[in-house]
PDB file of N, CA and C in Angstrom:
ATOM      1  N   MET A   1      87.594 102.527  87.950  1.00  0.00           N
ATOM      2  CA  MET A   1      88.764 103.027  88.819  1.00  0.00           C
ATOM      3  C   MET A   1      89.055 104.364  88.319  1.00  0.00           C
ATOM      4  N   SER A   2      89.051 105.335  89.244  1.00  0.00           N
ATOM      5  CA  SER A   2      89.337 106.676  89.022  1.00  0.00           C
ATOM      6  C   SER A   2      90.673 107.234  89.230  1.00  0.00           C
ATOM      7  N   VAL A   3      91.665 106.354  89.444  1.00  0.00           N
ATOM      8  CA  VAL A   3      93.066 106.823  89.585  1.00  0.00           C
ATOM      9  C   VAL A   3      93.881 106.439  88.457  1.00  0.00           C
ATOM     10  N   SER A   4      94.965 107.063  88.195  1.00  0.00           N
ATOM     11  CA  SER A   4      95.826 106.740  87.038  1.00  0.00           C
ATOM     12  C   SER A   4      96.995 106.015  87.564  1.00  0.00           C
ATOM     13  N   LEU A   5      97.600 105.147  86.675  1.00  0.00           N
ATOM     14  CA  LEU A   5      98.755 104.433  86.943  1.00  0.00           C
ATOM     15  C   LEU A   5      99.756 104.658  85.759  1.00  0.00           C
ATOM     16  N   THR A   6     100.966 104.699  86.058  1.00  0.00           N
ATOM     17  CA  THR A   6     101.990 104.934  85.066  1.00  0.00           C
ATOM     18  C   THR A   6     103.100 103.951  85.292  1.00  0.00           C
ATOM     19  N   LEU A   7     103.764 103.501  84.208  1.00  0.00           N
ATOM     20  CA  LEU A   7     104.926 102.619  84.346  1.00  0.00           C
ATOM     21  C   LEU A   7     106.151 103.279  83.684  1.00  0.00           C
ATOM     22  N   ASP A   8     107.211 103.087  84.369  1.00  0.00           N
ATOM     23  CA  ASP A   8     108.505 103.378  83.799  1.00  0.00           C
ATOM     24  C   ASP A   8     109.280 102.191  83.376  1.00  0.00           C
ATOM     25  N   MET A   9     109.366 101.896  82.185  1.00  0.00           N
ATOM     26  CA  MET A   9     109.971 100.587  81.743  1.00  0.00           C
ATOM     27  C   MET A   9     111.399 100.696  81.821  1.00  0.00           C
ATOM     28  N   THR A  10     111.979 101.863  82.083  1.00  0.00           N
ATOM     29  CA  THR A  10     113.460 101.988  82.282  1.00  0.00           C
ATOM     30  C   THR A  10     113.853 101.819  83.755  1.00  0.00           C
ATOM     31  N   ALA A  11     112.990 101.803  84.667  1.00  0.00           N
ATOM     32  CA  ALA A  11     113.205 101.768  86.056  1.00  0.00           C
ATOM     33  C   ALA A  11     113.662 100.335  86.362  1.00  0.00           C
ATOM     34  N   ALA A  12     114.434 100.456  87.492  1.00  0.00           N
ATOM     35  CA  ALA A  12     114.931  98.997  87.959  1.00  0.00           C
ATOM     36  C   ALA A  12     113.857  98.202  88.665  1.00  0.00           C
ATOM     37  N   THR A  13     112.792  98.881  89.094  1.00  0.00           N
ATOM     38  CA  THR A  13     111.617  98.193  89.736  1.00  0.00           C
ATOM     39  C   THR A  13     110.815  97.579  88.684  1.00  0.00           C
ATOM     40  N   PRO A  14     110.431  96.176  88.850  1.00  0.00           N
ATOM     41  CA  PRO A  14     109.773  95.539  87.838  1.00  0.00           C
ATOM     42  C   PRO A  14     108.274  96.141  87.682  1.00  0.00           C
ATOM     43  N   PRO A  15     107.732  96.029  86.523  1.00  0.00           N
ATOM     44  CA  PRO A  15     106.470  96.670  86.260  1.00  0.00           C
ATOM     45  C   PRO A  15     105.288  96.092  87.166  1.00  0.00           C
ATOM     46  N   TYR A  16     105.392  94.849  87.567  1.00  0.00           N
ATOM     47  CA  TYR A  16     104.308  94.392  88.485  1.00  0.00           C
ATOM     48  C   TYR A  16     104.371  95.108  89.810  1.00  0.00           C
ATOM     49  N   GLU A  17     105.577  95.343  90.325  1.00  0.00           N
ATOM     50  CA  GLU A  17     105.805  95.969  91.636  1.00  0.00           C
ATOM     51  C   GLU A  17     105.444  97.443  91.441  1.00  0.00           C
ATOM     52  N   GLN A  18     105.626  98.091  90.304  1.00  0.00           N
ATOM     53  CA  GLN A  18     105.220  99.484  90.162  1.00  0.00           C
ATOM     54  C   GLN A  18     103.720  99.557  90.210  1.00  0.00           C
ATOM     55  N   VAL A  19     103.009  98.598  89.580  1.00  0.00           N
ATOM     56  CA  VAL A  19     101.583  98.575  89.603  1.00  0.00           C
ATOM     57  C   VAL A  19     101.106  98.275  91.038  1.00  0.00           C
ATOM     58  N   ARG A  20     101.660  97.289  91.649  1.00  0.00           N
ATOM     59  CA  ARG A  20     101.319  97.011  93.126  1.00  0.00           C
ATOM     60  C   ARG A  20     101.499  98.196  93.999  1.00  0.00           C
ATOM     61  N   ALA A  21     102.579  98.769  93.990  1.00  0.00           N
ATOM     62  CA  ALA A  21     102.933  99.872  94.815  1.00  0.00           C
ATOM     63  C   ALA A  21     102.042 101.113  94.541  1.00  0.00           C
ATOM     64  N   GLN A  22     101.707 101.457  93.312  1.00  0.00           N
ATOM     65  CA  GLN A  22     100.794 102.572  93.107  1.00  0.00           C
ATOM     66  C   GLN A  22      99.416 102.300  93.434  1.00  0.00           C
ATOM     67  N   LEU A  23      98.899 100.988  93.272  1.00  0.00           N
ATOM     68  CA  LEU A  23      97.546 100.647  93.659  1.00  0.00           C
ATOM     69  C   LEU A  23      97.517 100.678  95.260  1.00  0.00           C
ATOM     70  N   ALA A  24      98.591 100.163  95.857  1.00  0.00           N
ATOM     71  CA  ALA A  24      98.536 100.046  97.354  1.00  0.00           C
ATOM     72  C   ALA A  24      98.549 101.577  97.869  1.00  0.00           C
ATOM     73  N   GLY A  25      99.353 102.438  97.282  1.00  0.00           N
ATOM     74  CA  GLY A  25      99.338 103.848  97.695  1.00  0.00           C
ATOM     75  C   GLY A  25      97.928 104.426  97.481  1.00  0.00           C
ATOM     76  N   HIS A  26      97.295 104.153  96.374  1.00  0.00           N
ATOM     77  CA  HIS A  26      95.960 104.773  96.160  1.00  0.00           C
ATOM     78  C   HIS A  26      94.955 104.246  97.259  1.00  0.00           C
ATOM     79  N   ILE A  27      95.055 103.019  97.618  1.00  0.00           N
ATOM     80  CA  ILE A  27      94.240 102.337  98.661  1.00  0.00           C
ATOM     81  C   ILE A  27      94.509 103.021  99.995  1.00  0.00           C
ATOM     82  N   ARG A  28      95.749 103.070 100.383  1.00  0.00           N
ATOM     83  CA  ARG A  28      96.124 103.522 101.759  1.00  0.00           C
ATOM     84  C   ARG A  28      95.815 105.025 101.807  1.00  0.00           C
ATOM     85  N   ALA A  29      95.882 105.765 100.715  1.00  0.00           N
ATOM     86  CA  ALA A  29      95.586 107.259 100.753  1.00  0.00           C
ATOM     87  C   ALA A  29      94.117 107.399 100.686  1.00  0.00           C
ATOM     88  N   GLY A  30      93.327 106.430 100.391  1.00  0.00           N
ATOM     89  CA  GLY A  30      91.886 106.680 100.412  1.00  0.00           C
ATOM     90  C   GLY A  30      91.341 106.988  99.023  1.00  0.00           C
ATOM     91  N   ARG A  31      92.213 107.124  98.000  1.00  0.00           N
ATOM     92  CA  ARG A  31      91.661 107.398  96.607  1.00  0.00           C
ATOM     93  C   ARG A  31      90.914 106.196  96.117  1.00  0.00           C
ATOM     94  N   LEU A  32      91.315 105.083  96.521  1.00  0.00           N
ATOM     95  CA  LEU A  32      90.486 103.821  96.234  1.00  0.00           C
ATOM     96  C   LEU A  32      89.883 103.318  97.467  1.00  0.00           C
ATOM     97  N   ARG A  33      88.649 103.256  97.534  1.00  0.00           N
ATOM     98  CA  ARG A  33      87.899 102.938  98.776  1.00  0.00           C
ATOM     99  C   ARG A  33      87.450 101.497  98.789  1.00  0.00           C
ATOM    100  N   PRO A  34      87.223 101.002 100.025  1.00  0.00           N
ATOM    101  CA  PRO A  34      86.673  99.638 100.173  1.00  0.00           C
ATOM    102  C   PRO A  34      85.415  99.530  99.279  1.00  0.00           C
ATOM    103  N   GLY A  35      85.356  98.426  98.613  1.00  0.00           N
ATOM    104  CA  GLY A  35      84.281  98.204  97.689  1.00  0.00           C
ATOM    105  C   GLY A  35      84.429  98.578  96.169  1.00  0.00           C
ATOM    106  N   ASP A  36      85.424  99.512  96.014  1.00  0.00           N
ATOM    107  CA  ASP A  36      85.801  99.760  94.664  1.00  0.00           C
ATOM    108  C   ASP A  36      86.284  98.635  93.883  1.00  0.00           C
ATOM    109  N   LYS A  37      85.879  98.558  92.601  1.00  0.00           N
ATOM    110  CA  LYS A  37      86.423  97.298  91.728  1.00  0.00           C
ATOM    111  C   LYS A  37      87.536  97.788  90.938  1.00  0.00           C
ATOM    112  N   LEU A  38      88.659  96.988  90.879  1.00  0.00           N
ATOM    113  CA  LEU A  38      89.751  97.300  90.093  1.00  0.00           C
ATOM    114  C   LEU A  38      89.435  96.730  88.664  1.00  0.00           C
ATOM    115  N   PRO A  39      90.178  97.332  87.700  1.00  0.00           N
ATOM    116  CA  PRO A  39      89.855  96.863  86.274  1.00  0.00           C
ATOM    117  C   PRO A  39      90.201  95.353  86.090  1.00  0.00           C
ATOM    118  N   VAL A  40      89.595  94.817  85.160  1.00  0.00           N
ATOM    119  CA  VAL A  40      89.913  93.457  84.854  1.00  0.00           C
ATOM    120  C   VAL A  40      91.290  93.348  84.412  1.00  0.00           C
ATOM    121  N   VAL A  41      91.986  92.194  84.651  1.00  0.00           N
ATOM    122  CA  VAL A  41      93.404  92.135  84.432  1.00  0.00           C
ATOM    123  C   VAL A  41      93.806  92.369  82.978  1.00  0.00           C
ATOM    124  N   ARG A  42      93.055  91.824  82.116  1.00  0.00           N
ATOM    125  CA  ARG A  42      93.293  91.936  80.601  1.00  0.00           C
ATOM    126  C   ARG A  42      93.113  93.479  80.223  1.00  0.00           C
ATOM    127  N   ALA A  43      92.132  94.199  80.742  1.00  0.00           N
ATOM    128  CA  ALA A  43      91.963  95.504  80.319  1.00  0.00           C
ATOM    129  C   ALA A  43      92.980  96.389  80.867  1.00  0.00           C
ATOM    130  N   LEU A  44      93.463  96.193  82.254  1.00  0.00           N
ATOM    131  CA  LEU A  44      94.539  97.054  82.686  1.00  0.00           C
ATOM    132  C   LEU A  44      95.863  96.714  82.006  1.00  0.00           C
ATOM    133  N   ALA A  45      96.156  95.578  81.643  1.00  0.00           N
ATOM    134  CA  ALA A  45      97.276  95.101  80.987  1.00  0.00           C
ATOM    135  C   ALA A  45      97.333  95.823  79.570  1.00  0.00           C
ATOM    136  N   ALA A  46      96.335  95.783  78.892  1.00  0.00           N
ATOM    137  CA  ALA A  46      96.213  96.403  77.574  1.00  0.00           C
ATOM    138  C   ALA A  46      96.372  97.908  77.725  1.00  0.00           C
ATOM    139  N   ASP A  47      95.817  98.565  78.733  1.00  0.00           N
ATOM    140  CA  ASP A  47      95.961  99.949  78.906  1.00  0.00           C
ATOM    141  C   ASP A  47      97.386 100.386  79.200  1.00  0.00           C
ATOM    142  N   LEU A  48      98.151  99.528  79.993  1.00  0.00           N
ATOM    143  CA  LEU A  48      99.422  99.867  80.346  1.00  0.00           C
ATOM    144  C   LEU A  48     100.466  99.270  79.365  1.00  0.00           C
ATOM    145  N   GLY A  49     100.071  98.489  78.402  1.00  0.00           N
ATOM    146  CA  GLY A  49     100.975  97.881  77.525  1.00  0.00           C
ATOM    147  C   GLY A  49     101.778  96.813  78.119  1.00  0.00           C
ATOM    148  N   VAL A  50     101.339  96.000  78.923  1.00  0.00           N
ATOM    149  CA  VAL A  50     102.169  95.031  79.539  1.00  0.00           C
ATOM    150  C   VAL A  50     101.438  93.645  79.488  1.00  0.00           C
ATOM    151  N   ALA A  51     102.058  92.547  79.696  1.00  0.00           N
ATOM    152  CA  ALA A  51     101.473  91.241  79.723  1.00  0.00           C
ATOM    153  C   ALA A  51     100.430  91.046  80.827  1.00  0.00           C
ATOM    154  N   THR A  52      99.384  90.302  80.587  1.00  0.00           N
ATOM    155  CA  THR A  52      98.365  89.975  81.553  1.00  0.00           C
ATOM    156  C   THR A  52      98.954  89.375  82.906  1.00  0.00           C
ATOM    157  N   ASN A  53     100.094  88.700  82.753  1.00  0.00           N
ATOM    158  CA  ASN A  53     100.746  88.039  83.908  1.00  0.00           C
ATOM    159  C   ASN A  53     101.251  89.088  84.777  1.00  0.00           C
ATOM    160  N   THR A  54     101.687  90.200  84.287  1.00  0.00           N
ATOM    161  CA  THR A  54     102.248  91.359  85.040  1.00  0.00           C
ATOM    162  C   THR A  54     101.136  91.889  86.043  1.00  0.00           C
ATOM    163  N   ILE A  55      99.977  92.160  85.456  1.00  0.00           N
ATOM    164  CA  ILE A  55      98.913  92.669  86.383  1.00  0.00           C
ATOM    165  C   ILE A  55      98.322  91.538  87.280  1.00  0.00           C
ATOM    166  N   ALA A  56      98.297  90.332  86.750  1.00  0.00           N
ATOM    167  CA  ALA A  56      97.807  89.237  87.677  1.00  0.00           C
ATOM    168  C   ALA A  56      98.718  89.177  88.860  1.00  0.00           C
ATOM    169  N   ARG A  57     100.070  89.232  88.720  1.00  0.00           N
ATOM    170  CA  ARG A  57     100.897  89.148  89.750  1.00  0.00           C
ATOM    171  C   ARG A  57     100.841  90.399  90.691  1.00  0.00           C
ATOM    172  N   ALA A  58     100.605  91.500  90.208  1.00  0.00           N
ATOM    173  CA  ALA A  58     100.379  92.720  91.123  1.00  0.00           C
ATOM    174  C   ALA A  58      99.172  92.454  91.943  1.00  0.00           C
ATOM    175  N   TYR A  59      98.049  92.029  91.357  1.00  0.00           N
ATOM    176  CA  TYR A  59      96.951  91.735  92.055  1.00  0.00           C
ATOM    177  C   TYR A  59      97.033  90.670  93.142  1.00  0.00           C
ATOM    178  N   ARG A  60      97.753  89.651  92.818  1.00  0.00           N
ATOM    179  CA  ARG A  60      98.080  88.622  93.840  1.00  0.00           C
ATOM    180  C   ARG A  60      98.843  89.152  94.963  1.00  0.00           C
ATOM    181  N   GLU A  61      99.754  90.030  94.672  1.00  0.00           N
ATOM    182  CA  GLU A  61     100.614  90.630  95.765  1.00  0.00           C
ATOM    183  C   GLU A  61      99.723  91.447  96.644  1.00  0.00           C
ATOM    184  N   LEU A  62      98.782  92.270  96.057  1.00  0.00           N
ATOM    185  CA  LEU A  62      97.874  93.056  96.834  1.00  0.00           C
ATOM    186  C   LEU A  62      96.944  92.245  97.587  1.00  0.00           C
ATOM    187  N   GLU A  63      96.503  91.140  97.047  1.00  0.00           N
ATOM    188  CA  GLU A  63      95.595  90.136  97.708  1.00  0.00           C
ATOM    189  C   GLU A  63      96.345  89.625  98.953  1.00  0.00           C
ATOM    190  N   GLY A  64      97.536  89.154  98.791  1.00  0.00           N
ATOM    191  CA  GLY A  64      98.419  88.585  99.824  1.00  0.00           C
ATOM    192  C   GLY A  64      98.631  89.657 100.884  1.00  0.00           C
ATOM    193  N   GLY A  65      98.689  90.913 100.638  1.00  0.00           N
ATOM    194  CA  GLY A  65      98.800  92.011 101.570  1.00  0.00           C
ATOM    195  C   GLY A  65      97.496  92.413 102.215  1.00  0.00           C
ATOM    196  N   GLY A  66      96.370  91.777 101.816  1.00  0.00           N
ATOM    197  CA  GLY A  66      95.105  92.054 102.474  1.00  0.00           C
ATOM    198  C   GLY A  66      94.507  93.314 101.863  1.00  0.00           C
ATOM    199  N   LEU A  67      94.893  93.912 100.857  1.00  0.00           N
ATOM    200  CA  LEU A  67      94.364  95.128 100.376  1.00  0.00           C
ATOM    201  C   LEU A  67      93.222  94.898  99.306  1.00  0.00           C
ATOM    202  N   VAL A  68      93.152  93.729  98.638  1.00  0.00           N
ATOM    203  CA  VAL A  68      92.123  93.444  97.836  1.00  0.00           C
ATOM    204  C   VAL A  68      91.636  92.011  97.950  1.00  0.00           C
ATOM    205  N   THR A  69      90.547  91.713  97.438  1.00  0.00           N
ATOM    206  CA  THR A  69      89.973  90.330  97.301  1.00  0.00           C
ATOM    207  C   THR A  69      89.603  90.075  95.901  1.00  0.00           C
ATOM    208  N   THR A  70      89.976  88.895  95.369  1.00  0.00           N
ATOM    209  CA  THR A  70      89.531  88.561  94.042  1.00  0.00           C
ATOM    210  C   THR A  70      88.584  87.344  94.138  1.00  0.00           C
ATOM    211  N   ARG A  71      87.492  87.493  93.421  1.00  0.00           N
ATOM    212  CA  ARG A  71      86.486  86.398  93.334  1.00  0.00           C
ATOM    213  C   ARG A  71      86.117  86.146  91.875  1.00  0.00           C
ATOM    214  N   ARG A  72      85.884  84.919  91.639  1.00  0.00           N
ATOM    215  CA  ARG A  72      85.327  84.569  90.215  1.00  0.00           C
ATOM    216  C   ARG A  72      84.071  85.207  90.012  1.00  0.00           C
ATOM    217  N   ARG A  73      83.920  85.790  88.892  1.00  0.00           N
ATOM    218  CA  ARG A  73      82.673  86.405  88.316  1.00  0.00           C
ATOM    219  C   ARG A  73      82.370  87.760  88.991  1.00  0.00           C
ATOM    220  N   VAL A  74      83.206  88.124  90.127  1.00  0.00           N
ATOM    221  CA  VAL A  74      82.944  89.408  90.693  1.00  0.00           C
ATOM    222  C   VAL A  74      84.077  90.408  90.400  1.00  0.00           C
ATOM    223  N   GLY A  75      85.234  89.844  90.342  1.00  0.00           N
ATOM    224  CA  GLY A  75      86.395  90.590  90.030  1.00  0.00           C
ATOM    225  C   GLY A  75      87.241  90.867  91.302  1.00  0.00           C
ATOM    226  N   THR A  76      88.026  91.958  91.139  1.00  0.00           N
ATOM    227  CA  THR A  76      89.081  92.277  92.286  1.00  0.00           C
ATOM    228  C   THR A  76      88.504  93.435  92.931  1.00  0.00           C
ATOM    229  N   ILE A  77      88.270  93.362  94.226  1.00  0.00           N
ATOM    230  CA  ILE A  77      87.534  94.409  95.002  1.00  0.00           C
ATOM    231  C   ILE A  77      88.529  94.985  96.098  1.00  0.00           C
ATOM    232  N   VAL A  78      88.527  96.186  96.287  1.00  0.00           N
ATOM    233  CA  VAL A  78      89.354  96.829  97.356  1.00  0.00           C
ATOM    234  C   VAL A  78      88.806  96.490  98.655  1.00  0.00           C
ATOM    235  N   GLN A  79      89.591  96.198  99.594  1.00  0.00           N
ATOM    236  CA  GLN A  79      89.335  95.859 100.990  1.00  0.00           C
ATOM    237  C   GLN A  79      89.788  97.055 101.878  1.00  0.00           C
ATOM    238  N   ALA A  80      89.245  97.174 103.069  1.00  0.00           N
ATOM    239  CA  ALA A  80      89.739  98.232 103.919  1.00  0.00           C
ATOM    240  C   ALA A  80      91.096  97.897 104.362  1.00  0.00           C
ATOM    241  N   PRO A  81      92.088  98.857 104.308  1.00  0.00           N
ATOM    242  CA  PRO A  81      93.437  98.597 104.852  1.00  0.00           C
ATOM    243  C   PRO A  81      93.386  98.306 106.388  1.00  0.00           C
ATOM    244  N   ALA A  82      94.335  97.523 106.750  1.00  0.00           N
ATOM    245  CA  ALA A  82      94.375  97.273 108.238  1.00  0.00           C
ATOM    246  C   ALA A  82      94.499  98.514 109.062  1.00  0.00           C
ATOM    247  N   ALA A  83      95.398  99.350 108.669  1.00  0.00           N
ATOM    248  CA  ALA A  83      95.513 100.538 109.520  1.00  0.00           C
ATOM    249  C   ALA A  83      95.589 101.785 108.476  1.00  0.00           C
ATOM    250  N   PRO A  84      94.403 102.262 108.195  1.00  0.00           N
ATOM    251  CA  PRO A  84      94.438 103.426 107.280  1.00  0.00           C
ATOM    252  C   PRO A  84      95.091 104.598 107.868  1.00  0.00           C
ATOM    253  N   ALA A  85      95.837 105.323 106.966  1.00  0.00           N
ATOM    254  CA  ALA A  85      96.419 106.565 107.435  1.00  0.00           C
ATOM    255  C   ALA A  85      95.340 107.620 107.497  1.00  0.00           C
ATOM    256  N   GLY A  86      95.453 108.336 108.637  1.00  0.00           N
ATOM    257  CA  GLY A  86      94.465 109.384 108.884  1.00  0.00           C
ATOM    258  C   GLY A  86      94.840 110.667 108.054  1.00  0.00           C
ATOM    259  N   PRO A  87      93.979 111.665 107.995  1.00  0.00           N
ATOM    260  CA  PRO A  87      94.239 112.808 107.183  1.00  0.00           C
ATOM    261  C   PRO A  87      95.476 113.604 107.539  1.00  0.00           C
ATOM    262  N   GLU A  88      95.856 113.609 108.806  1.00  0.00           N
ATOM    263  CA  GLU A  88      97.006 114.220 109.191  1.00  0.00           C
ATOM    264  C   GLU A  88      98.308 113.639 108.643  1.00  0.00           C
ATOM    265  N   LEU A  89      98.314 112.323 108.718  1.00  0.00           N
ATOM    266  CA  LEU A  89      99.460 111.580 108.229  1.00  0.00           C
ATOM    267  C   LEU A  89      99.577 111.711 106.762  1.00  0.00           C
ATOM    268  N   ARG A  90      98.470 111.653 106.069  1.00  0.00           N
ATOM    269  CA  ARG A  90      98.417 111.759 104.612  1.00  0.00           C
ATOM    270  C   ARG A  90      98.892 113.097 104.215  1.00  0.00           C
ATOM    271  N   ALA A  91      98.569 114.152 104.990  1.00  0.00           N
ATOM    272  CA  ALA A  91      99.097 115.557 104.739  1.00  0.00           C
ATOM    273  C   ALA A  91     100.528 115.608 104.863  1.00  0.00           C
ATOM    274  N   HIS A  92     101.125 114.936 105.826  1.00  0.00           N
ATOM    275  CA  HIS A  92     102.604 114.879 106.028  1.00  0.00           C
ATOM    276  C   HIS A  92     103.244 114.205 104.890  1.00  0.00           C
ATOM    277  N   ALA A  93     102.593 113.110 104.417  1.00  0.00           N
ATOM    278  CA  ALA A  93     103.211 112.384 103.224  1.00  0.00           C
ATOM    279  C   ALA A  93     103.156 113.253 101.952  1.00  0.00           C
ATOM    280  N   VAL A  94     102.077 113.907 101.819  1.00  0.00           N
ATOM    281  CA  VAL A  94     102.036 114.784 100.571  1.00  0.00           C
ATOM    282  C   VAL A  94     103.040 115.906 100.621  1.00  0.00           C
ATOM    283  N   ALA A  95     103.239 116.497 101.896  1.00  0.00           N
ATOM    284  CA  ALA A  95     104.247 117.594 102.052  1.00  0.00           C
ATOM    285  C   ALA A  95     105.628 116.992 101.852  1.00  0.00           C
ATOM    286  N   PHE A  96     105.866 115.800 102.391  1.00  0.00           N
ATOM    287  CA  PHE A  96     107.178 115.179 102.149  1.00  0.00           C
ATOM    288  C   PHE A  96     107.512 115.002 100.663  1.00  0.00           C
ATOM    289  N   VAL A  97     106.603 114.445  99.991  1.00  0.00           N
ATOM    290  CA  VAL A  97     106.762 114.205  98.548  1.00  0.00           C
ATOM    291  C   VAL A  97     107.027 115.471  97.745  1.00  0.00           C
ATOM    292  N   ALA A  98     106.280 116.609  98.131  1.00  0.00           N
ATOM    293  CA  ALA A  98     106.402 117.895  97.515  1.00  0.00           C
ATOM    294  C   ALA A  98     107.824 118.482  97.782  1.00  0.00           C
ATOM    295  N   ALA A  99     108.297 118.289  99.023  1.00  0.00           N
ATOM    296  CA  ALA A  99     109.608 118.845  99.407  1.00  0.00           C
ATOM    297  C   ALA A  99     110.692 118.023  98.658  1.00  0.00           C
ATOM    298  N   ALA A 100     110.491 116.731  98.625  1.00  0.00           N
ATOM    299  CA  ALA A 100     111.497 115.848  97.832  1.00  0.00           C
ATOM    300  C   ALA A 100     111.533 116.242  96.386  1.00  0.00           C
ATOM    301  N   ARG A 101     110.437 116.456  95.796  1.00  0.00           N
ATOM    302  CA  ARG A 101     110.363 116.786  94.360  1.00  0.00           C
ATOM    303  C   ARG A 101     110.986 118.168  94.162  1.00  0.00           C
ATOM    304  N   ASP A 102     110.745 119.072  95.090  1.00  0.00           N
ATOM    305  CA  ASP A 102     111.307 120.433  95.042  1.00  0.00           C
ATOM    306  C   ASP A 102     112.834 120.409  95.008  1.00  0.00           C
ATOM    307  N   ALA A 103     113.369 119.424  95.758  1.00  0.00           N
ATOM    308  CA  ALA A 103     114.831 119.217  95.970  1.00  0.00           C
ATOM    309  C   ALA A 103     115.426 118.544  94.747  1.00  0.00           C
ATOM    310  N   GLY A 104     114.519 118.087  93.861  1.00  0.00           N
ATOM    311  CA  GLY A 104     115.060 117.589  92.613  1.00  0.00           C
ATOM    312  C   GLY A 104     115.050 116.030  92.570  1.00  0.00           C
ATOM    313  N   LEU A 105     114.635 115.397  93.525  1.00  0.00           N
ATOM    314  CA  LEU A 105     114.614 113.903  93.587  1.00  0.00           C
ATOM    315  C   LEU A 105     113.497 113.319  92.713  1.00  0.00           C
ATOM    316  N   ALA A 106     113.868 112.266  91.988  1.00  0.00           N
ATOM    317  CA  ALA A 106     113.008 111.492  91.271  1.00  0.00           C
ATOM    318  C   ALA A 106     112.139 110.579  92.080  1.00  0.00           C
ATOM    319  N   ASP A 107     110.976 110.172  91.706  1.00  0.00           N
ATOM    320  CA  ASP A 107     110.112 109.298  92.514  1.00  0.00           C
ATOM    321  C   ASP A 107     110.833 108.143  93.099  1.00  0.00           C
ATOM    322  N   GLU A 108     111.700 107.380  92.283  1.00  0.00           N
ATOM    323  CA  GLU A 108     112.439 106.202  92.765  1.00  0.00           C
ATOM    324  C   GLU A 108     113.345 106.628  93.976  1.00  0.00           C
ATOM    325  N   ALA A 109     113.960 107.766  93.846  1.00  0.00           N
ATOM    326  CA  ALA A 109     114.891 108.239  94.951  1.00  0.00           C
ATOM    327  C   ALA A 109     113.942 108.553  96.219  1.00  0.00           C
ATOM    328  N   VAL A 110     112.796 109.148  96.047  1.00  0.00           N
ATOM    329  CA  VAL A 110     111.959 109.369  97.204  1.00  0.00           C
ATOM    330  C   VAL A 110     111.555 108.113  97.850  1.00  0.00           C
ATOM    331  N   ILE A 111     111.184 107.095  97.146  1.00  0.00           N
ATOM    332  CA  ILE A 111     110.850 105.790  97.665  1.00  0.00           C
ATOM    333  C   ILE A 111     112.047 105.163  98.367  1.00  0.00           C
ATOM    334  N   ASP A 112     113.199 105.266  97.764  1.00  0.00           N
ATOM    335  CA  ASP A 112     114.436 104.717  98.341  1.00  0.00           C
ATOM    336  C   ASP A 112     114.682 105.399  99.764  1.00  0.00           C
ATOM    337  N   LEU A 113     114.424 106.665  99.822  1.00  0.00           N
ATOM    338  CA  LEU A 113     114.634 107.428 101.075  1.00  0.00           C
ATOM    339  C   LEU A 113     113.706 107.025 102.106  1.00  0.00           C
ATOM    340  N   VAL A 114     112.435 106.768 101.719  1.00  0.00           N
ATOM    341  CA  VAL A 114     111.385 106.279 102.687  1.00  0.00           C
ATOM    342  C   VAL A 114     111.857 104.911 103.177  1.00  0.00           C
ATOM    343  N   ARG A 115     112.236 104.040 102.265  1.00  0.00           N
ATOM    344  CA  ARG A 115     112.595 102.656 102.586  1.00  0.00           C
ATOM    345  C   ARG A 115     113.866 102.698 103.593  1.00  0.00           C
ATOM    346  N   GLY A 116     114.738 103.649 103.314  1.00  0.00           N
ATOM    347  CA  GLY A 116     115.961 103.720 104.165  1.00  0.00           C
ATOM    348  C   GLY A 116     115.506 104.212 105.684  1.00  0.00           C
ATOM    349  N   ALA A 117     114.594 105.205 105.716  1.00  0.00           N
ATOM    350  CA  ALA A 117     114.010 105.662 106.924  1.00  0.00           C
ATOM    351  C   ALA A 117     113.353 104.554 107.720  1.00  0.00           C
ATOM    352  N   LEU A 118     112.614 103.679 107.015  1.00  0.00           N
ATOM    353  CA  LEU A 118     112.020 102.498 107.763  1.00  0.00           C
ATOM    354  C   LEU A 118     113.062 101.602 108.301  1.00  0.00           C
ATOM    355  N   LEU A 119     114.198 101.595 107.882  1.00  0.00           N
ATOM    356  CA  LEU A 119     115.240 100.681 108.520  1.00  0.00           C
ATOM    357  C   LEU A 119     115.870 101.296 109.732  1.00  0.00           C
ATOM    358  N   GLU A 120     115.636 102.589 110.019  1.00  0.00           N
ATOM    359  CA  GLU A 120     116.246 103.199 111.121  1.00  0.00           C
ATOM    360  C   GLU A 120     115.566 102.894 112.421  1.00  0.00           C
TER     361      GLU A 120
END
């Protein structure tokens, strides 16, 4: 896996959800492509300093959302997202995040802003 994940243990969002959201974002943005293999649960848990159950739950949530498939002896493999974002939409997302950070918003606040917009 060539993308990085970070956890904020002081955030209100549980660690498994932070992992799930970051991996989902990487998949939808095309940084993780169909066929890419995710790290083994134990290895990623050790890298991030969390319990294996935390990563296992994140992977289960991703699988429930159709973004990955887990098979014995094969591992967890990225699947094609149902509706991948095109390059223009990804560019808008990157520009929005840059503008939000320039305005001084933390990542959690940016996500809350997007969630609020989804409710309109």
